[in-house]
Amino acid sequence: MPAEKYAAPSLQSLIYAVQADAYSNLKRFPEAVVAKEKSMQLAVKPDPRDNLDLSAMYRDVGNPKKALELVQYNLDNNLGEAGKGAGFHMPTYYHLGLALTDLGQYREAAEAFSTGLQRQPDFAWAFYARGIAYDHLGDREYAKADFLKFSQIVKKKYVKEENTAKLAEYGISVP
């Protein structure tokens, strides 16, 4: 018999959560989604951050509509990052913006990133993502401003070739 039949639900939840992260790191997104959902079903206490993580996995698997539903669930149920009633911080608005971007709702995505940046104005990736939204809207001035801010505050070791290429379109490089 599998060991999970003998483990407490909280331990089973943790095992599935670790599996989900491993699958995600291996870019095996369908398996990551299944493992994360099992982890969340077994969790003793629902964790709003788990919804955001699962939202990211659904975006990775190509289902931005489900990703948006998960973030919206947190918003609708007042589930902030630190628990019920704690309020919403950058992660909620960042994931909301990413899902909206994937759905082609660029104006709404830019608004979500802006709301998050009010709460955490040093979150480099929100500037980059909002720049992408503005780029899709054809607003090169705002896109360039966000890409410039991103280039000034991002840790260079996290910047990928695709990010560098987008910045180069605007004549920007990461120092």
N, C-alpha and C. Protein backbone atom coordinates (compact mmCIF):
# COMPACT_ATOMS: atom_id res chain seq x y z
N MET A 1 0.83 -1.18 0.00
CA MET A 1 0.00 0.00 0.00
C MET A 1 0.88 1.25 0.00
N PRO A 2 0.43 2.31 -0.68
CA PRO A 2 1.22 3.56 -0.70
C PRO A 2 1.31 4.16 0.69
N ALA A 3 2.44 4.80 0.94
CA ALA A 3 2.67 5.42 2.25
C ALA A 3 1.66 6.50 2.55
N GLU A 4 1.11 7.14 1.51
CA GLU A 4 0.19 8.24 1.77
C GLU A 4 -1.08 7.80 2.48
N LYS A 5 -1.43 6.51 2.41
CA LYS A 5 -2.62 6.03 3.11
C LYS A 5 -2.41 6.04 4.61
N TYR A 6 -1.15 6.07 5.05
CA TYR A 6 -0.85 6.04 6.47
C TYR A 6 -0.49 7.42 7.01
N ALA A 7 -0.23 8.38 6.15
CA ALA A 7 0.19 9.70 6.58
C ALA A 7 -1.02 10.57 6.92
N ALA A 8 -0.82 11.48 7.85
CA ALA A 8 -1.87 12.43 8.21
C ALA A 8 -2.15 13.33 7.01
N PRO A 9 -3.39 13.81 6.90
CA PRO A 9 -3.74 14.67 5.75
C PRO A 9 -2.80 15.87 5.59
N SER A 10 -2.34 16.46 6.70
CA SER A 10 -1.45 17.62 6.59
C SER A 10 -0.11 17.21 5.96
N LEU A 11 0.39 16.01 6.28
CA LEU A 11 1.63 15.53 5.68
C LEU A 11 1.41 15.18 4.21
N GLN A 12 0.28 14.56 3.90
CA GLN A 12 -0.05 14.26 2.51
C GLN A 12 -0.11 15.54 1.69
N SER A 13 -0.73 16.56 2.27
CA SER A 13 -0.84 17.86 1.60
C SER A 13 0.55 18.42 1.29
N LEU A 14 1.44 18.33 2.26
CA LEU A 14 2.80 18.83 2.09
C LEU A 14 3.53 18.05 0.99
N ILE A 15 3.36 16.74 0.97
CA ILE A 15 4.00 15.90 -0.06
C ILE A 15 3.52 16.31 -1.44
N TYR A 16 2.22 16.48 -1.59
CA TYR A 16 1.69 16.90 -2.90
C TYR A 16 2.18 18.31 -3.28
N ALA A 17 2.29 19.19 -2.29
CA ALA A 17 2.77 20.55 -2.56
C ALA A 17 4.22 20.51 -3.08
N VAL A 18 5.05 19.68 -2.47
CA VAL A 18 6.44 19.54 -2.92
C VAL A 18 6.47 18.95 -4.33
N GLN A 19 5.62 17.95 -4.58
CA GLN A 19 5.53 17.37 -5.92
C GLN A 19 5.13 18.41 -6.94
N ALA A 20 4.16 19.25 -6.58
CA ALA A 20 3.69 20.29 -7.50
C ALA A 20 4.83 21.24 -7.86
N ASP A 21 5.59 21.66 -6.87
CA ASP A 21 6.73 22.54 -7.14
C ASP A 21 7.77 21.86 -8.02
N ALA A 22 8.02 20.59 -7.74
CA ALA A 22 9.00 19.86 -8.55
C ALA A 22 8.53 19.73 -10.00
N TYR A 23 7.28 19.35 -10.19
CA TYR A 23 6.74 19.24 -11.55
C TYR A 23 6.78 20.59 -12.27
N SER A 24 6.45 21.64 -11.55
CA SER A 24 6.48 22.97 -12.14
C SER A 24 7.89 23.35 -12.58
N ASN A 25 8.87 23.07 -11.72
CA ASN A 25 10.27 23.36 -12.07
C ASN A 25 10.74 22.56 -13.27
N LEU A 26 10.17 21.38 -13.45
CA LEU A 26 10.51 20.53 -14.60
C LEU A 26 9.68 20.89 -15.84
N LYS A 27 8.83 21.91 -15.69
CA LYS A 27 7.93 22.36 -16.76
C LYS A 27 6.94 21.27 -17.17
N ARG A 28 6.59 20.44 -16.22
CA ARG A 28 5.56 19.41 -16.42
C ARG A 28 4.29 19.96 -15.76
N PHE A 29 3.73 20.96 -16.43
CA PHE A 29 2.66 21.75 -15.84
C PHE A 29 1.36 20.98 -15.58
N PRO A 30 0.91 20.10 -16.46
CA PRO A 30 -0.32 19.35 -16.12
C PRO A 30 -0.17 18.54 -14.82
N GLU A 31 0.98 17.89 -14.63
CA GLU A 31 1.20 17.14 -13.40
C GLU A 31 1.29 18.08 -12.19
N ALA A 32 1.88 19.25 -12.39
CA ALA A 32 1.98 20.24 -11.31
C ALA A 32 0.59 20.66 -10.85
N VAL A 33 -0.31 20.91 -11.80
CA VAL A 33 -1.67 21.33 -11.46
C VAL A 33 -2.38 20.24 -10.65
N VAL A 34 -2.28 18.98 -11.10
CA VAL A 34 -2.94 17.88 -10.40
C VAL A 34 -2.40 17.75 -8.97
N ALA A 35 -1.09 17.79 -8.82
CA ALA A 35 -0.49 17.66 -7.48
C ALA A 35 -0.88 18.83 -6.59
N LYS A 36 -0.89 20.05 -7.13
CA LYS A 36 -1.25 21.22 -6.32
C LYS A 36 -2.71 21.14 -5.87
N GLU A 37 -3.59 20.70 -6.78
CA GLU A 37 -5.01 20.58 -6.41
C GLU A 37 -5.18 19.53 -5.31
N LYS A 38 -4.46 18.41 -5.40
CA LYS A 38 -4.55 17.39 -4.35
C LYS A 38 -4.05 17.96 -3.03
N SER A 39 -2.95 18.71 -3.07
CA SER A 39 -2.41 19.33 -1.87
C SER A 39 -3.44 20.24 -1.22
N MET A 40 -4.09 21.04 -2.04
CA MET A 40 -5.06 22.00 -1.50
C MET A 40 -6.30 21.29 -0.94
N GLN A 41 -6.70 20.19 -1.55
CA GLN A 41 -7.86 19.44 -1.05
C GLN A 41 -7.58 18.85 0.32
N LEU A 42 -6.33 18.48 0.57
CA LEU A 42 -5.97 17.85 1.84
C LEU A 42 -5.53 18.85 2.91
N ALA A 43 -5.35 20.08 2.53
CA ALA A 43 -4.86 21.09 3.48
C ALA A 43 -5.83 21.25 4.63
N VAL A 44 -5.27 21.37 5.81
CA VAL A 44 -6.08 21.55 7.01
C VAL A 44 -6.77 22.92 6.97
N LYS A 45 -6.03 23.92 6.56
CA LYS A 45 -6.55 25.29 6.49
C LYS A 45 -6.29 25.84 5.09
N PRO A 46 -7.31 26.36 4.41
CA PRO A 46 -7.09 26.92 3.08
C PRO A 46 -6.08 28.07 3.12
N ASP A 47 -5.21 28.12 2.15
CA ASP A 47 -4.17 29.14 2.09
C ASP A 47 -4.36 29.96 0.81
N PRO A 48 -4.65 31.25 0.95
CA PRO A 48 -4.86 32.08 -0.24
C PRO A 48 -3.66 32.06 -1.19
N ARG A 49 -2.45 31.92 -0.64
CA ARG A 49 -1.26 31.87 -1.48
C ARG A 49 -1.30 30.64 -2.40
N ASP A 50 -1.88 29.54 -1.89
CA ASP A 50 -1.99 28.34 -2.73
C ASP A 50 -2.83 28.62 -3.97
N ASN A 51 -3.89 29.42 -3.83
CA ASN A 51 -4.70 29.78 -5.00
C ASN A 51 -3.87 30.55 -6.01
N LEU A 52 -3.00 31.44 -5.52
CA LEU A 52 -2.15 32.21 -6.43
C LEU A 52 -1.13 31.31 -7.13
N ASP A 53 -0.56 30.38 -6.37
CA ASP A 53 0.40 29.44 -6.97
C ASP A 53 -0.28 28.56 -8.01
N LEU A 54 -1.49 28.08 -7.68
CA LEU A 54 -2.23 27.25 -8.63
C LEU A 54 -2.64 28.08 -9.85
N SER A 55 -2.94 29.34 -9.63
CA SER A 55 -3.25 30.24 -10.74
C SER A 55 -2.08 30.31 -11.72
N ALA A 56 -0.87 30.44 -11.18
CA ALA A 56 0.33 30.48 -12.03
C ALA A 56 0.49 29.18 -12.81
N MET A 57 0.20 28.07 -12.16
CA MET A 57 0.31 26.78 -12.83
C MET A 57 -0.71 26.65 -13.96
N TYR A 58 -1.91 27.15 -13.73
CA TYR A 58 -2.92 27.12 -14.79
C TYR A 58 -2.52 28.03 -15.96
N ARG A 59 -1.87 29.15 -15.67
CA ARG A 59 -1.37 29.98 -16.78
C ARG A 59 -0.31 29.21 -17.55
N ASP A 60 0.58 28.53 -16.82
CA ASP A 60 1.64 27.75 -17.47
C ASP A 60 1.08 26.63 -18.35
N VAL A 61 -0.04 26.06 -17.93
CA VAL A 61 -0.64 24.96 -18.69
C VAL A 61 -1.52 25.48 -19.83
N GLY A 62 -1.68 26.81 -19.90
CA GLY A 62 -2.44 27.41 -20.99
C GLY A 62 -3.91 27.61 -20.72
N ASN A 63 -4.27 27.76 -19.44
CA ASN A 63 -5.67 27.97 -19.07
C ASN A 63 -5.80 29.25 -18.25
N PRO A 64 -5.66 30.41 -18.91
CA PRO A 64 -5.71 31.67 -18.15
C PRO A 64 -7.09 31.97 -17.56
N LYS A 65 -8.14 31.40 -18.14
CA LYS A 65 -9.48 31.63 -17.59
C LYS A 65 -9.59 31.02 -16.19
N LYS A 66 -9.09 29.79 -16.03
CA LYS A 66 -9.10 29.15 -14.71
C LYS A 66 -8.17 29.90 -13.76
N ALA A 67 -7.04 30.38 -14.29
CA ALA A 67 -6.11 31.16 -13.47
C ALA A 67 -6.81 32.40 -12.92
N LEU A 68 -7.56 33.08 -13.77
CA LEU A 68 -8.29 34.27 -13.34
C LEU A 68 -9.35 33.92 -12.28
N GLU A 69 -10.04 32.80 -12.47
CA GLU A 69 -11.06 32.37 -11.50
C GLU A 69 -10.47 32.19 -10.11
N LEU A 70 -9.26 31.62 -10.04
CA LEU A 70 -8.63 31.39 -8.74
C LEU A 70 -8.27 32.69 -8.04
N VAL A 71 -7.73 33.64 -8.78
CA VAL A 71 -7.41 34.94 -8.18
C VAL A 71 -8.70 35.65 -7.78
N GLN A 72 -9.70 35.58 -8.64
CA GLN A 72 -10.97 36.23 -8.35
C GLN A 72 -11.62 35.63 -7.11
N TYR A 73 -11.45 34.33 -6.90
CA TYR A 73 -11.97 33.68 -5.70
C TYR A 73 -11.39 34.34 -4.45
N ASN A 74 -10.07 34.57 -4.46
CA ASN A 74 -9.45 35.24 -3.31
C ASN A 74 -10.05 36.62 -3.11
N LEU A 75 -10.19 37.37 -4.19
CA LEU A 75 -10.74 38.72 -4.08
C LEU A 75 -12.18 38.70 -3.58
N ASP A 76 -12.99 37.81 -4.15
CA ASP A 76 -14.41 37.73 -3.78
C ASP A 76 -14.62 37.31 -2.33
N ASN A 77 -13.70 36.50 -1.81
CA ASN A 77 -13.85 35.97 -0.46
C ASN A 77 -12.95 36.67 0.56
N ASN A 78 -12.41 37.82 0.16
CA ASN A 78 -11.56 38.61 1.05
C ASN A 78 -10.43 37.78 1.66
N LEU A 79 -9.81 36.96 0.81
CA LEU A 79 -8.70 36.12 1.26
C LEU A 79 -7.40 36.76 0.83
N GLY A 80 -6.83 37.56 1.71
CA GLY A 80 -5.55 38.20 1.44
C GLY A 80 -4.41 37.23 1.64
N GLU A 81 -3.19 37.67 1.32
CA GLU A 81 -2.04 36.77 1.38
C GLU A 81 -1.76 36.25 2.77
N ALA A 82 -2.09 37.01 3.79
CA ALA A 82 -1.79 36.58 5.16
C ALA A 82 -3.02 36.01 5.86
N GLY A 83 -4.04 35.66 5.10
CA GLY A 83 -5.23 35.06 5.68
C GLY A 83 -6.44 35.95 5.53
N LYS A 84 -7.58 35.41 5.89
CA LYS A 84 -8.85 36.11 5.72
C LYS A 84 -8.79 37.47 6.40
N GLY A 85 -9.15 38.49 5.63
CA GLY A 85 -9.21 39.83 6.17
C GLY A 85 -7.89 40.57 6.22
N ALA A 86 -6.81 39.93 5.81
CA ALA A 86 -5.50 40.57 5.89
C ALA A 86 -5.28 41.59 4.78
N GLY A 87 -6.11 41.58 3.78
CA GLY A 87 -5.97 42.53 2.69
C GLY A 87 -5.13 41.97 1.56
N PHE A 88 -5.17 42.68 0.46
CA PHE A 88 -4.50 42.21 -0.74
C PHE A 88 -3.24 43.02 -0.97
N HIS A 89 -2.19 42.30 -1.29
CA HIS A 89 -0.90 42.90 -1.52
C HIS A 89 -0.48 42.61 -2.96
N MET A 90 0.74 42.91 -3.28
CA MET A 90 1.22 42.76 -4.64
C MET A 90 0.95 41.39 -5.25
N PRO A 91 1.17 40.27 -4.55
CA PRO A 91 0.98 38.98 -5.22
C PRO A 91 -0.41 38.80 -5.83
N THR A 92 -1.44 39.23 -5.13
CA THR A 92 -2.80 39.08 -5.67
C THR A 92 -2.94 39.88 -6.96
N TYR A 93 -2.54 41.13 -6.94
CA TYR A 93 -2.71 41.98 -8.12
C TYR A 93 -1.76 41.60 -9.25
N TYR A 94 -0.60 41.08 -8.90
CA TYR A 94 0.34 40.62 -9.92
C TYR A 94 -0.24 39.42 -10.66
N HIS A 95 -0.75 38.45 -9.93
CA HIS A 95 -1.35 37.28 -10.57
C HIS A 95 -2.62 37.65 -11.32
N LEU A 96 -3.38 38.58 -10.79
CA LEU A 96 -4.56 39.06 -11.50
C LEU A 96 -4.15 39.68 -12.83
N GLY A 97 -3.15 40.54 -12.79
CA GLY A 97 -2.67 41.18 -14.01
C GLY A 97 -2.13 40.19 -15.03
N LEU A 98 -1.39 39.20 -14.57
CA LEU A 98 -0.85 38.20 -15.50
C LEU A 98 -1.96 37.41 -16.18
N ALA A 99 -2.97 37.01 -15.40
CA ALA A 99 -4.09 36.26 -15.99
C ALA A 99 -4.84 37.13 -17.00
N LEU A 100 -5.07 38.39 -16.66
CA LEU A 100 -5.77 39.30 -17.57
C LEU A 100 -4.95 39.54 -18.84
N THR A 101 -3.63 39.64 -18.70
CA THR A 101 -2.77 39.80 -19.87
C THR A 101 -2.90 38.58 -20.78
N ASP A 102 -2.85 37.40 -20.19
CA ASP A 102 -2.98 36.17 -20.98
C ASP A 102 -4.33 36.08 -21.69
N LEU A 103 -5.34 36.72 -21.11
CA LEU A 103 -6.67 36.74 -21.72
C LEU A 103 -6.84 37.88 -22.72
N GLY A 104 -5.80 38.70 -22.89
CA GLY A 104 -5.87 39.81 -23.83
C GLY A 104 -6.60 41.03 -23.30
N GLN A 105 -6.83 41.09 -22.00
CA GLN A 105 -7.51 42.22 -21.36
C GLN A 105 -6.43 43.16 -20.80
N TYR A 106 -5.76 43.84 -21.72
CA TYR A 106 -4.57 44.59 -21.37
C TYR A 106 -4.83 45.81 -20.51
N ARG A 107 -5.90 46.55 -20.76
CA ARG A 107 -6.21 47.73 -19.94
C ARG A 107 -6.46 47.30 -18.49
N GLU A 108 -7.26 46.27 -18.31
CA GLU A 108 -7.55 45.76 -16.97
C GLU A 108 -6.28 45.22 -16.30
N ALA A 109 -5.43 44.58 -17.09
CA ALA A 109 -4.17 44.07 -16.55
C ALA A 109 -3.30 45.22 -16.05
N ALA A 110 -3.18 46.28 -16.84
CA ALA A 110 -2.37 47.44 -16.44
C ALA A 110 -2.92 48.03 -15.13
N GLU A 111 -4.24 48.07 -15.00
CA GLU A 111 -4.85 48.59 -13.77
C GLU A 111 -4.52 47.70 -12.58
N ALA A 112 -4.55 46.38 -12.78
CA ALA A 112 -4.22 45.45 -11.69
C ALA A 112 -2.78 45.64 -11.24
N PHE A 113 -1.85 45.74 -12.20
CA PHE A 113 -0.44 45.95 -11.85
C PHE A 113 -0.27 47.29 -11.13
N SER A 114 -0.98 48.32 -11.58
CA SER A 114 -0.88 49.63 -10.94
C SER A 114 -1.35 49.58 -9.49
N THR A 115 -2.44 48.86 -9.25
CA THR A 115 -2.95 48.71 -7.88
C THR A 115 -1.92 48.01 -7.01
N GLY A 116 -1.33 46.95 -7.54
CA GLY A 116 -0.31 46.24 -6.78
C GLY A 116 0.91 47.11 -6.50
N LEU A 117 1.30 47.91 -7.49
CA LEU A 117 2.47 48.78 -7.32
C LEU A 117 2.23 49.86 -6.27
N GLN A 118 0.99 50.22 -6.02
CA GLN A 118 0.70 51.16 -4.94
C GLN A 118 1.06 50.54 -3.59
N ARG A 119 0.95 49.22 -3.51
CA ARG A 119 1.23 48.51 -2.27
C ARG A 119 2.69 48.10 -2.15
N GLN A 120 3.35 47.89 -3.30
CA GLN A 120 4.76 47.49 -3.29
C GLN A 120 5.45 48.13 -4.49
N PRO A 121 5.87 49.38 -4.35
CA PRO A 121 6.41 50.13 -5.49
C PRO A 121 7.80 49.70 -5.95
N ASP A 122 8.38 48.71 -5.30
CA ASP A 122 9.71 48.24 -5.73
C ASP A 122 9.66 46.85 -6.38
N PHE A 123 8.49 46.41 -6.77
CA PHE A 123 8.34 45.08 -7.38
C PHE A 123 8.65 45.19 -8.87
N ALA A 124 9.88 44.90 -9.22
CA ALA A 124 10.37 45.11 -10.59
C ALA A 124 9.52 44.40 -11.63
N TRP A 125 9.14 43.18 -11.36
CA TRP A 125 8.43 42.38 -12.38
C TRP A 125 7.04 42.93 -12.68
N ALA A 126 6.44 43.65 -11.74
CA ALA A 126 5.15 44.29 -12.03
C ALA A 126 5.34 45.41 -13.04
N PHE A 127 6.46 46.13 -12.94
CA PHE A 127 6.74 47.17 -13.94
C PHE A 127 6.92 46.54 -15.32
N TYR A 128 7.65 45.44 -15.36
CA TYR A 128 7.85 44.76 -16.65
C TYR A 128 6.52 44.28 -17.23
N ALA A 129 5.72 43.62 -16.39
CA ALA A 129 4.44 43.08 -16.85
C ALA A 129 3.48 44.20 -17.27
N ARG A 130 3.47 45.29 -16.52
CA ARG A 130 2.61 46.41 -16.92
C ARG A 130 3.12 47.01 -18.22
N GLY A 131 4.45 47.06 -18.40
CA GLY A 131 5.02 47.52 -19.66
C GLY A 131 4.55 46.66 -20.82
N ILE A 132 4.47 45.36 -20.61
CA ILE A 132 3.97 44.45 -21.65
C ILE A 132 2.51 44.78 -21.97
N ALA A 133 1.71 45.02 -20.95
CA ALA A 133 0.31 45.37 -21.18
C ALA A 133 0.20 46.66 -21.99
N TYR A 134 0.98 47.68 -21.60
CA TYR A 134 0.96 48.94 -22.34
C TYR A 134 1.47 48.75 -23.77
N ASP A 135 2.46 47.89 -23.94
CA ASP A 135 2.98 47.59 -25.27
C ASP A 135 1.86 47.02 -26.15
N HIS A 136 1.09 46.10 -25.61
CA HIS A 136 -0.04 45.52 -26.35
C HIS A 136 -1.10 46.57 -26.68
N LEU A 137 -1.24 47.55 -25.81
CA LEU A 137 -2.22 48.62 -26.04
C LEU A 137 -1.70 49.66 -27.03
N GLY A 138 -0.43 49.54 -27.41
CA GLY A 138 0.16 50.51 -28.33
C GLY A 138 0.61 51.79 -27.66
N ASP A 139 0.66 51.79 -26.35
CA ASP A 139 1.08 52.97 -25.59
C ASP A 139 2.57 52.87 -25.29
N ARG A 140 3.38 53.22 -26.29
CA ARG A 140 4.83 53.05 -26.19
C ARG A 140 5.45 53.94 -25.11
N GLU A 141 4.87 55.11 -24.88
CA GLU A 141 5.43 56.02 -23.87
C GLU A 141 5.36 55.40 -22.47
N TYR A 142 4.18 54.91 -22.11
CA TYR A 142 4.03 54.28 -20.79
C TYR A 142 4.80 52.97 -20.71
N ALA A 143 4.81 52.20 -21.80
CA ALA A 143 5.56 50.95 -21.82
C ALA A 143 7.04 51.23 -21.59
N LYS A 144 7.57 52.22 -22.29
CA LYS A 144 9.00 52.53 -22.14
C LYS A 144 9.32 52.98 -20.72
N ALA A 145 8.45 53.79 -20.14
CA ALA A 145 8.69 54.24 -18.76
C ALA A 145 8.74 53.05 -17.80
N ASP A 146 7.82 52.11 -17.98
CA ASP A 146 7.82 50.94 -17.10
C ASP A 146 9.02 50.04 -17.35
N PHE A 147 9.39 49.85 -18.61
CA PHE A 147 10.57 49.03 -18.91
C PHE A 147 11.84 49.67 -18.35
N LEU A 148 11.92 50.99 -18.40
CA LEU A 148 13.07 51.70 -17.86
C LEU A 148 13.14 51.51 -16.34
N LYS A 149 12.01 51.68 -15.67
CA LYS A 149 11.97 51.49 -14.21
C LYS A 149 12.37 50.05 -13.87
N PHE A 150 11.83 49.09 -14.61
CA PHE A 150 12.18 47.69 -14.41
C PHE A 150 13.69 47.49 -14.52
N SER A 151 14.29 48.03 -15.56
CA SER A 151 15.73 47.85 -15.80
C SER A 151 16.57 48.44 -14.67
N GLN A 152 16.04 49.46 -14.01
CA GLN A 152 16.78 50.12 -12.94
C GLN A 152 16.73 49.38 -11.60
N ILE A 153 15.68 48.58 -11.39
CA ILE A 153 15.52 47.97 -10.06
C ILE A 153 15.58 46.44 -10.06
N VAL A 154 15.56 45.82 -11.25
CA VAL A 154 15.58 44.36 -11.29
C VAL A 154 16.97 43.82 -10.96
N LYS A 155 17.02 42.66 -10.36
CA LYS A 155 18.29 41.96 -10.16
C LYS A 155 18.63 41.28 -11.47
N LYS A 156 19.75 41.66 -12.03
CA LYS A 156 20.14 41.23 -13.38
C LYS A 156 20.15 39.71 -13.54
N LYS A 157 20.49 38.99 -12.50
CA LYS A 157 20.60 37.53 -12.60
C LYS A 157 19.25 36.85 -12.91
N TYR A 158 18.14 37.56 -12.69
CA TYR A 158 16.82 36.99 -12.96
C TYR A 158 16.27 37.34 -14.34
N VAL A 159 16.95 38.22 -15.04
CA VAL A 159 16.48 38.68 -16.34
C VAL A 159 16.82 37.63 -17.40
N LYS A 160 15.81 37.25 -18.16
CA LYS A 160 15.98 36.23 -19.20
C LYS A 160 16.17 36.90 -20.56
N GLU A 161 16.57 36.10 -21.51
CA GLU A 161 16.83 36.60 -22.86
C GLU A 161 15.60 37.28 -23.46
N GLU A 162 14.41 36.71 -23.22
CA GLU A 162 13.19 37.31 -23.77
C GLU A 162 12.92 38.69 -23.17
N ASN A 163 13.27 38.87 -21.88
CA ASN A 163 13.11 40.18 -21.25
C ASN A 163 14.07 41.18 -21.86
N THR A 164 15.32 40.76 -22.04
CA THR A 164 16.34 41.62 -22.63
C THR A 164 15.94 42.03 -24.05
N ALA A 165 15.38 41.08 -24.80
CA ALA A 165 14.96 41.38 -26.18
C ALA A 165 13.84 42.42 -26.20
N LYS A 166 12.89 42.30 -25.29
CA LYS A 166 11.78 43.27 -25.24
C LYS A 166 12.31 44.65 -24.87
N LEU A 167 13.21 44.72 -23.89
CA LEU A 167 13.79 45.99 -23.50
C LEU A 167 14.55 46.61 -24.67
N ALA A 168 15.26 45.78 -25.41
CA ALA A 168 16.04 46.28 -26.56
C ALA A 168 15.15 46.93 -27.62
N GLU A 169 13.92 46.45 -27.76
CA GLU A 169 12.97 47.07 -28.69
C GLU A 169 12.74 48.54 -28.33
N TYR A 170 12.94 48.87 -27.07
CA TYR A 170 12.73 50.23 -26.57
C TYR A 170 14.05 50.96 -26.33
N GLY A 171 15.15 50.36 -26.74
CA GLY A 171 16.45 50.99 -26.56
C GLY A 171 16.93 51.00 -25.13
N ILE A 172 16.50 50.00 -24.35
CA ILE A 172 16.83 49.92 -22.93
C ILE A 172 17.65 48.65 -22.70
N SER A 173 18.62 48.75 -21.81
CA SER A 173 19.38 47.56 -21.39
C SER A 173 19.46 47.56 -19.88
N VAL A 174 19.68 46.37 -19.34
CA VAL A 174 19.84 46.24 -17.88
C VAL A 174 21.29 46.51 -17.56
N PRO A 175 21.55 47.49 -16.66
CA PRO A 175 22.95 47.83 -16.33
C PRO A 175 23.69 46.66 -15.70
